Amino acid sequence: MSMAAKGVEEQGGLAAGGWRGPVLVLLSAMAFSAAGLFTRLVEADVWTLLFWRGLFGGLFIAGYVVWRDGAAAVRALRRIGRPGLVAAGCSTAATICFINALRETTVADVLVINATAPFMTAAMAWAWTGARERRTTLLASGVALLGMVVTVVPALGSGRLLGDLLAFAMTALISAMMVVIRHHRDVCMLPAASLSAFLCALLAWPLAAPSAVSERDFLYLVLFGTVQFGLGLLLLTVGTRLVSATRSALIGAVETPLAPAIVWFALGEAPPLLTCLGGAIVLAAVAGDLLAPNDD
């Protein structure tokens, strides 16, 4: 296999302090930030949305793996083992919780709950692997959490408990997935990511109405599955191998200011001033962590 075909995850190695991992996770956050827009644009029910999103996302990632590995793609799938199945299960459940949370509560609530991901991830990594996160990353995570709280202030008091619980479950599952991927970074987990997307589609299928979507919705679902879900999950899976799980969660917080900005740009819905302020705090926290020298 040529060096070009090895894919981005084999380039740059696992060198500490490298930029490849953070950039990949940042790009994944940019892709994921379009979720709120697509859930607004697609009129299909949530299970139909999950079916098509998972199917197209799985095909996108599987296509990349086959392009990269050729005949060795089946061997790559077998190599994921039990850790890959755990990561796939966490990703599948998190996806279902995430989409339903967006329908049951405000986007702001989902984002502020997701802001606990760096702390949850750090606790899981320490309890499971003994890994300790650097102080600057934990400090930046605290600043990012403050930014999330500022962002969510306009939506407080919505009383949508079910959606908030789903968002919390999603955050815990994604944190666990990132810890598994990072701990087993010697194994390429892209086949597991593809498997999780297909599994999501399979679980949603009995409750979905795939043939009932309009041509307009179908186009949005193709983009939702490939660009937002497939590409975002691919980049996150690759990037998390190269940086700590906690740092991946922190960089992923960039999704918070980007999500309302995309809706504003696409639909003309200007976010509240506090949302803009909170987003600026999150961006400053992530930038500060990326630029800070190692304190290990």
Protein backbone atom coordinates (compact mmCIF):
# COMPACT_ATOMS: atom_id res chain seq x y z
CA MET A 1 0.00 0.00 0.00
CA SER A 2 1.41 3.40 -0.95
CA MET A 3 2.02 6.14 1.58
CA ALA A 4 -0.69 8.25 -0.05
CA ALA A 5 -3.22 5.48 0.43
CA LYS A 6 -2.44 5.00 4.08
CA GLY A 7 -4.69 7.93 4.92
CA VAL A 8 -4.35 10.83 7.27
CA GLU A 9 -4.30 8.69 10.38
CA GLU A 10 -0.90 7.18 9.50
CA GLN A 11 0.82 10.47 8.75
CA GLY A 12 2.52 12.50 11.41
CA GLY A 13 2.58 9.60 13.87
CA LEU A 14 1.57 10.02 17.49
CA ALA A 15 4.11 12.66 18.38
CA ALA A 16 3.08 14.70 21.38
CA GLY A 17 2.37 18.31 20.64
CA GLY A 18 1.76 17.68 16.94
CA TRP A 19 -0.88 19.72 15.19
CA ARG A 20 -2.40 16.99 13.02
CA GLY A 21 -4.62 15.55 15.76
CA PRO A 22 -6.00 18.87 17.02
CA VAL A 23 -6.67 20.07 13.47
CA LEU A 24 -8.55 16.87 12.60
CA VAL A 25 -10.68 17.11 15.75
CA LEU A 26 -11.32 20.79 15.02
CA LEU A 27 -12.48 19.94 11.50
CA SER A 28 -14.75 17.24 12.93
CA ALA A 29 -16.34 19.82 15.25
CA MET A 30 -16.94 22.06 12.26
CA ALA A 31 -18.71 19.20 10.46
CA PHE A 32 -20.75 18.21 13.53
CA SER A 33 -21.83 21.82 14.10
CA ALA A 34 -24.17 21.57 11.10
CA ALA A 35 -26.43 19.09 12.93
CA GLY A 36 -28.75 21.77 14.26
CA LEU A 37 -29.23 23.22 10.78
CA PHE A 38 -30.03 19.87 9.17
CA THR A 39 -32.50 18.86 11.89
CA ARG A 40 -34.29 22.13 11.19
CA LEU A 41 -34.28 21.63 7.42
CA VAL A 42 -35.39 18.00 7.32
CA GLU A 43 -39.13 17.55 7.85
CA ALA A 44 -39.02 13.75 8.15
CA ASP A 45 -39.63 12.12 11.53
CA VAL A 46 -36.63 11.46 13.78
CA TRP A 47 -36.39 7.72 13.07
CA THR A 48 -36.44 8.21 9.31
CA LEU A 49 -33.80 10.88 9.74
CA LEU A 50 -31.65 8.52 11.82
CA PHE A 51 -32.04 5.73 9.25
CA TRP A 52 -30.88 7.73 6.24
CA ARG A 53 -28.22 9.65 8.19
CA GLY A 54 -26.73 6.41 9.50
CA LEU A 55 -26.88 4.66 6.14
CA PHE A 56 -25.18 7.46 4.21
CA GLY A 57 -22.67 8.07 7.01
CA GLY A 58 -21.75 4.38 7.14
CA LEU A 59 -21.33 4.19 3.37
CA PHE A 60 -19.13 7.29 3.40
CA ILE A 61 -16.73 5.92 6.04
CA ALA A 62 -16.75 2.40 4.60
CA GLY A 63 -15.97 3.82 1.17
CA TYR A 64 -12.96 5.64 2.59
CA VAL A 65 -11.69 2.49 4.34
CA VAL A 66 -12.06 0.41 1.16
CA TRP A 67 -10.33 3.13 -0.89
CA ARG A 68 -7.48 3.25 1.61
CA ASP A 69 -7.01 -0.46 2.35
CA GLY A 70 -8.44 -2.22 -0.70
CA ALA A 71 -8.67 -5.95 -0.12
CA ALA A 72 -7.25 -5.50 3.39
CA ALA A 73 -10.42 -3.66 4.51
CA VAL A 74 -11.96 -6.88 5.84
CA ARG A 75 -8.84 -7.53 7.91
CA ALA A 76 -9.05 -3.98 9.27
CA LEU A 77 -12.62 -4.66 10.38
CA ARG A 78 -11.57 -7.83 12.19
CA ARG A 79 -8.75 -6.02 13.98
CA ILE A 80 -11.06 -3.70 15.89
CA GLY A 81 -11.90 -6.53 18.30
CA ARG A 82 -13.91 -5.99 21.46
CA PRO A 83 -12.72 -2.37 21.98
CA GLY A 84 -13.98 -1.49 18.50
CA LEU A 85 -17.36 -3.06 19.22
CA VAL A 86 -17.57 -1.08 22.48
CA ALA A 87 -16.67 2.14 20.67
CA ALA A 88 -19.22 1.38 17.93
CA GLY A 89 -21.94 0.68 20.48
CA CYS A 90 -21.22 3.92 22.36
CA SER A 91 -21.25 5.91 19.11
CA THR A 92 -24.53 4.35 17.97
CA ALA A 93 -26.32 5.00 21.25
CA ALA A 94 -24.90 8.53 21.44
CA THR A 95 -26.15 9.32 17.94
CA ILE A 96 -29.68 8.18 18.76
CA CYS A 97 -29.65 10.18 22.00
CA PHE A 98 -28.25 13.26 20.24
CA ILE A 99 -30.83 13.49 17.46
CA ASN A 100 -33.71 12.86 19.85
CA ALA A 101 -32.29 15.42 22.30
CA LEU A 102 -32.27 18.06 19.55
CA ARG A 103 -35.95 17.36 18.96
CA GLU A 104 -36.89 17.28 22.66
CA THR A 105 -35.01 20.31 23.99
CA THR A 106 -33.22 23.41 22.80
CA VAL A 107 -29.92 23.27 20.92
CA ALA A 108 -28.49 25.49 23.66
CA ASP A 109 -29.37 22.97 26.37
CA VAL A 110 -27.73 20.16 24.40
CA LEU A 111 -24.58 22.19 23.93
CA VAL A 112 -24.20 23.32 27.53
CA ILE A 113 -24.67 19.76 28.80
CA ASN A 114 -22.13 18.58 26.27
CA ALA A 115 -19.72 21.12 27.79
CA THR A 116 -19.15 18.70 30.65
CA ALA A 117 -17.54 16.27 28.18
CA PRO A 118 -13.90 17.26 28.93
CA PHE A 119 -14.37 16.69 32.66
CA MET A 120 -16.33 13.48 32.14
CA THR A 121 -13.72 12.24 29.69
CA ALA A 122 -10.85 13.12 32.03
CA ALA A 123 -12.53 11.25 34.89
CA MET A 124 -13.16 8.16 32.73
CA ALA A 125 -9.61 8.18 31.36
CA TRP A 126 -8.13 8.45 34.86
CA ALA A 127 -10.39 5.75 36.33
CA TRP A 128 -9.88 3.31 33.46
CA THR A 129 -6.33 3.90 32.24
CA GLY A 130 -4.73 6.06 34.93
CA ALA A 131 -4.11 8.82 32.39
CA ARG A 132 -3.85 12.31 33.88
CA GLU A 133 -4.67 15.33 31.77
CA ARG A 134 -2.39 18.36 31.72
CA ARG A 135 -3.42 21.30 33.90
CA THR A 136 -3.79 23.81 31.06
CA THR A 137 -6.31 21.57 29.30
CA LEU A 138 -8.37 21.16 32.47
CA LEU A 139 -8.25 24.92 33.07
CA ALA A 140 -9.29 25.61 29.49
CA SER A 141 -12.12 23.09 29.89
CA GLY A 142 -13.37 25.06 32.88
CA VAL A 143 -13.30 28.30 30.89
CA ALA A 144 -15.13 26.57 28.03
CA LEU A 145 -17.78 25.37 30.48
CA LEU A 146 -18.26 28.97 31.63
CA GLY A 147 -18.76 29.96 28.00
CA MET A 148 -21.35 27.22 27.59
CA VAL A 149 -23.26 28.44 30.65
CA VAL A 150 -23.30 31.98 29.28
CA THR A 151 -24.57 30.61 25.96
CA VAL A 152 -27.44 28.65 27.51
CA VAL A 153 -28.76 31.43 29.78
CA PRO A 154 -31.41 32.57 27.25
CA ALA A 155 -32.85 29.03 27.13
CA LEU A 156 -32.95 28.34 30.86
CA GLY A 157 -36.30 27.39 32.32
CA SER A 158 -37.47 25.48 29.24
CA GLY A 159 -38.34 22.53 31.47
CA ARG A 160 -37.53 19.94 28.81
CA LEU A 161 -36.20 17.27 31.13
CA LEU A 162 -36.30 14.34 28.68
CA GLY A 163 -34.19 16.16 26.12
CA ASP A 164 -31.69 17.22 28.77
CA LEU A 165 -31.36 13.63 30.03
CA LEU A 166 -30.80 12.41 26.49
CA ALA A 167 -28.12 15.06 26.02
CA PHE A 168 -26.40 13.94 29.23
CA ALA A 169 -26.48 10.30 28.09
CA MET A 170 -25.05 11.34 24.73
CA THR A 171 -22.20 13.20 26.42
CA ALA A 172 -21.30 10.21 28.62
CA LEU A 173 -21.35 7.83 25.66
CA ILE A 174 -19.18 10.05 23.47
CA SER A 175 -16.72 10.49 26.34
CA ALA A 176 -16.47 6.72 26.74
CA MET A 177 -15.98 6.28 22.99
CA MET A 178 -13.10 8.77 22.92
CA VAL A 179 -11.39 7.09 25.87
CA VAL A 180 -11.63 3.70 24.14
CA ILE A 181 -10.27 5.05 20.84
CA ARG A 182 -7.40 6.85 22.54
CA HIS A 183 -6.50 3.91 24.79
CA HIS A 184 -6.41 1.56 21.79
CA ARG A 185 -4.79 4.03 19.42
CA ASP A 186 -2.64 1.27 17.93
CA VAL A 187 -5.79 -0.03 16.22
CA CYS A 188 -7.54 1.90 13.44
CA MET A 189 -11.13 2.37 14.61
CA LEU A 190 -12.56 3.67 11.33
CA PRO A 191 -14.27 0.31 10.60
CA ALA A 192 -15.88 0.61 14.04
CA ALA A 193 -17.10 4.10 13.16
CA SER A 194 -18.64 2.79 9.95
CA LEU A 195 -20.18 -0.12 11.83
CA SER A 196 -21.74 2.24 14.37
CA ALA A 197 -23.38 4.28 11.61
CA PHE A 198 -24.83 1.17 9.94
CA LEU A 199 -26.02 -0.11 13.32
CA CYS A 200 -27.78 3.19 13.94
CA ALA A 201 -29.61 2.85 10.63
CA LEU A 202 -30.52 -0.76 11.42
CA LEU A 203 -31.98 0.10 14.82
CA ALA A 204 -33.98 3.00 13.40
CA TRP A 205 -35.29 1.03 10.41
CA PRO A 206 -38.33 -0.66 12.11
CA LEU A 207 -39.63 2.74 13.25
CA ALA A 208 -38.68 4.68 10.11
CA ALA A 209 -40.47 5.37 6.83
CA PRO A 210 -37.54 5.56 4.40
CA SER A 211 -39.64 5.72 1.24
CA ALA A 212 -41.84 8.53 2.53
CA VAL A 213 -39.26 11.31 2.34
CA SER A 214 -39.62 14.07 -0.24
CA GLU A 215 -36.98 14.75 -2.90
CA ARG A 216 -36.01 17.88 -1.00
CA ASP A 217 -35.58 16.01 2.27
CA PHE A 218 -33.66 13.21 0.55
CA LEU A 219 -31.05 15.68 -0.72
CA TYR A 220 -30.65 17.15 2.75
CA LEU A 221 -30.39 13.63 4.22
CA VAL A 222 -27.58 12.73 1.81
CA LEU A 223 -25.65 15.81 2.94
CA PHE A 224 -26.55 15.20 6.58
CA GLY A 225 -25.26 11.63 6.43
CA THR A 226 -22.08 12.22 4.45
CA VAL A 227 -20.83 15.73 5.26
CA GLN A 228 -22.12 16.23 8.80
CA PHE A 229 -22.14 12.69 10.23
CA GLY A 230 -19.83 10.55 8.10
CA LEU A 231 -17.05 13.10 7.63
CA GLY A 232 -17.37 14.39 11.20
CA LEU A 233 -17.17 10.91 12.71
CA LEU A 234 -14.28 9.93 10.44
CA LEU A 235 -12.23 12.98 11.42
CA LEU A 236 -13.03 12.57 15.13
CA THR A 237 -12.06 8.89 15.09
CA VAL A 238 -8.74 9.62 13.39
CA GLY A 239 -7.97 12.76 15.40
CA THR A 240 -8.66 11.20 18.80
CA ARG A 241 -5.88 8.68 18.16
CA LEU A 242 -3.40 11.55 18.02
CA VAL A 243 -4.41 13.66 21.04
CA SER A 244 -5.72 12.89 24.52
CA ALA A 245 -9.40 12.05 24.85
CA THR A 246 -9.94 15.04 27.16
CA ARG A 247 -8.34 17.43 24.70
CA SER A 248 -10.49 16.00 21.91
CA ALA A 249 -13.57 16.74 23.98
CA LEU A 250 -12.36 20.29 24.66
CA ILE A 251 -11.62 21.05 21.00
CA GLY A 252 -15.03 19.61 20.12
CA ALA A 253 -16.56 22.41 22.19
CA VAL A 254 -15.90 24.69 19.22
CA GLU A 255 -19.14 23.21 17.90
CA THR A 256 -20.99 25.44 20.38
CA PRO A 257 -20.37 28.83 18.73
CA LEU A 258 -20.36 27.35 15.24
CA ALA A 259 -23.80 25.72 15.44
CA PRO A 260 -25.83 28.92 15.96
CA ALA A 261 -23.53 30.79 13.57
CA ILE A 262 -24.38 28.33 10.79
CA VAL A 263 -28.11 28.63 11.49
CA TRP A 264 -27.74 32.42 11.47
CA PHE A 265 -25.90 32.38 8.14
CA ALA A 266 -28.23 29.85 6.48
CA LEU A 267 -31.62 30.81 7.91
CA GLY A 268 -31.07 34.39 9.01
CA GLU A 269 -31.85 33.66 12.67
CA ALA A 270 -29.56 35.92 14.68
CA PRO A 271 -28.43 34.35 17.98
CA PRO A 272 -28.85 36.25 21.27
CA LEU A 273 -26.01 38.46 22.44
CA LEU A 274 -25.19 36.05 25.29
CA THR A 275 -24.84 33.22 22.78
CA CYS A 276 -22.24 35.26 20.90
CA LEU A 277 -20.44 36.13 24.14
CA GLY A 278 -20.43 32.52 25.31
CA GLY A 279 -19.17 31.36 21.95
CA ALA A 280 -16.30 33.83 22.09
CA ILE A 281 -15.32 32.50 25.53
CA VAL A 282 -15.32 28.92 24.24
CA LEU A 283 -13.18 29.84 21.24
CA ALA A 284 -10.73 31.69 23.50
CA ALA A 285 -10.49 28.67 25.83
CA VAL A 286 -9.75 26.23 23.01
CA ALA A 287 -7.24 28.59 21.39
CA GLY A 288 -5.52 29.12 24.73
CA ASP A 289 -5.12 25.39 25.27
CA LEU A 290 -3.78 24.79 21.77
CA LEU A 291 -1.22 27.57 22.06
CA ALA A 292 -0.16 26.95 25.68
CA PRO A 293 3.17 25.19 26.26
CA ASN A 294 3.10 21.71 27.79
CA ASP A 295 3.01 21.80 31.59
CA ASP A 296 3.65 18.09 32.10
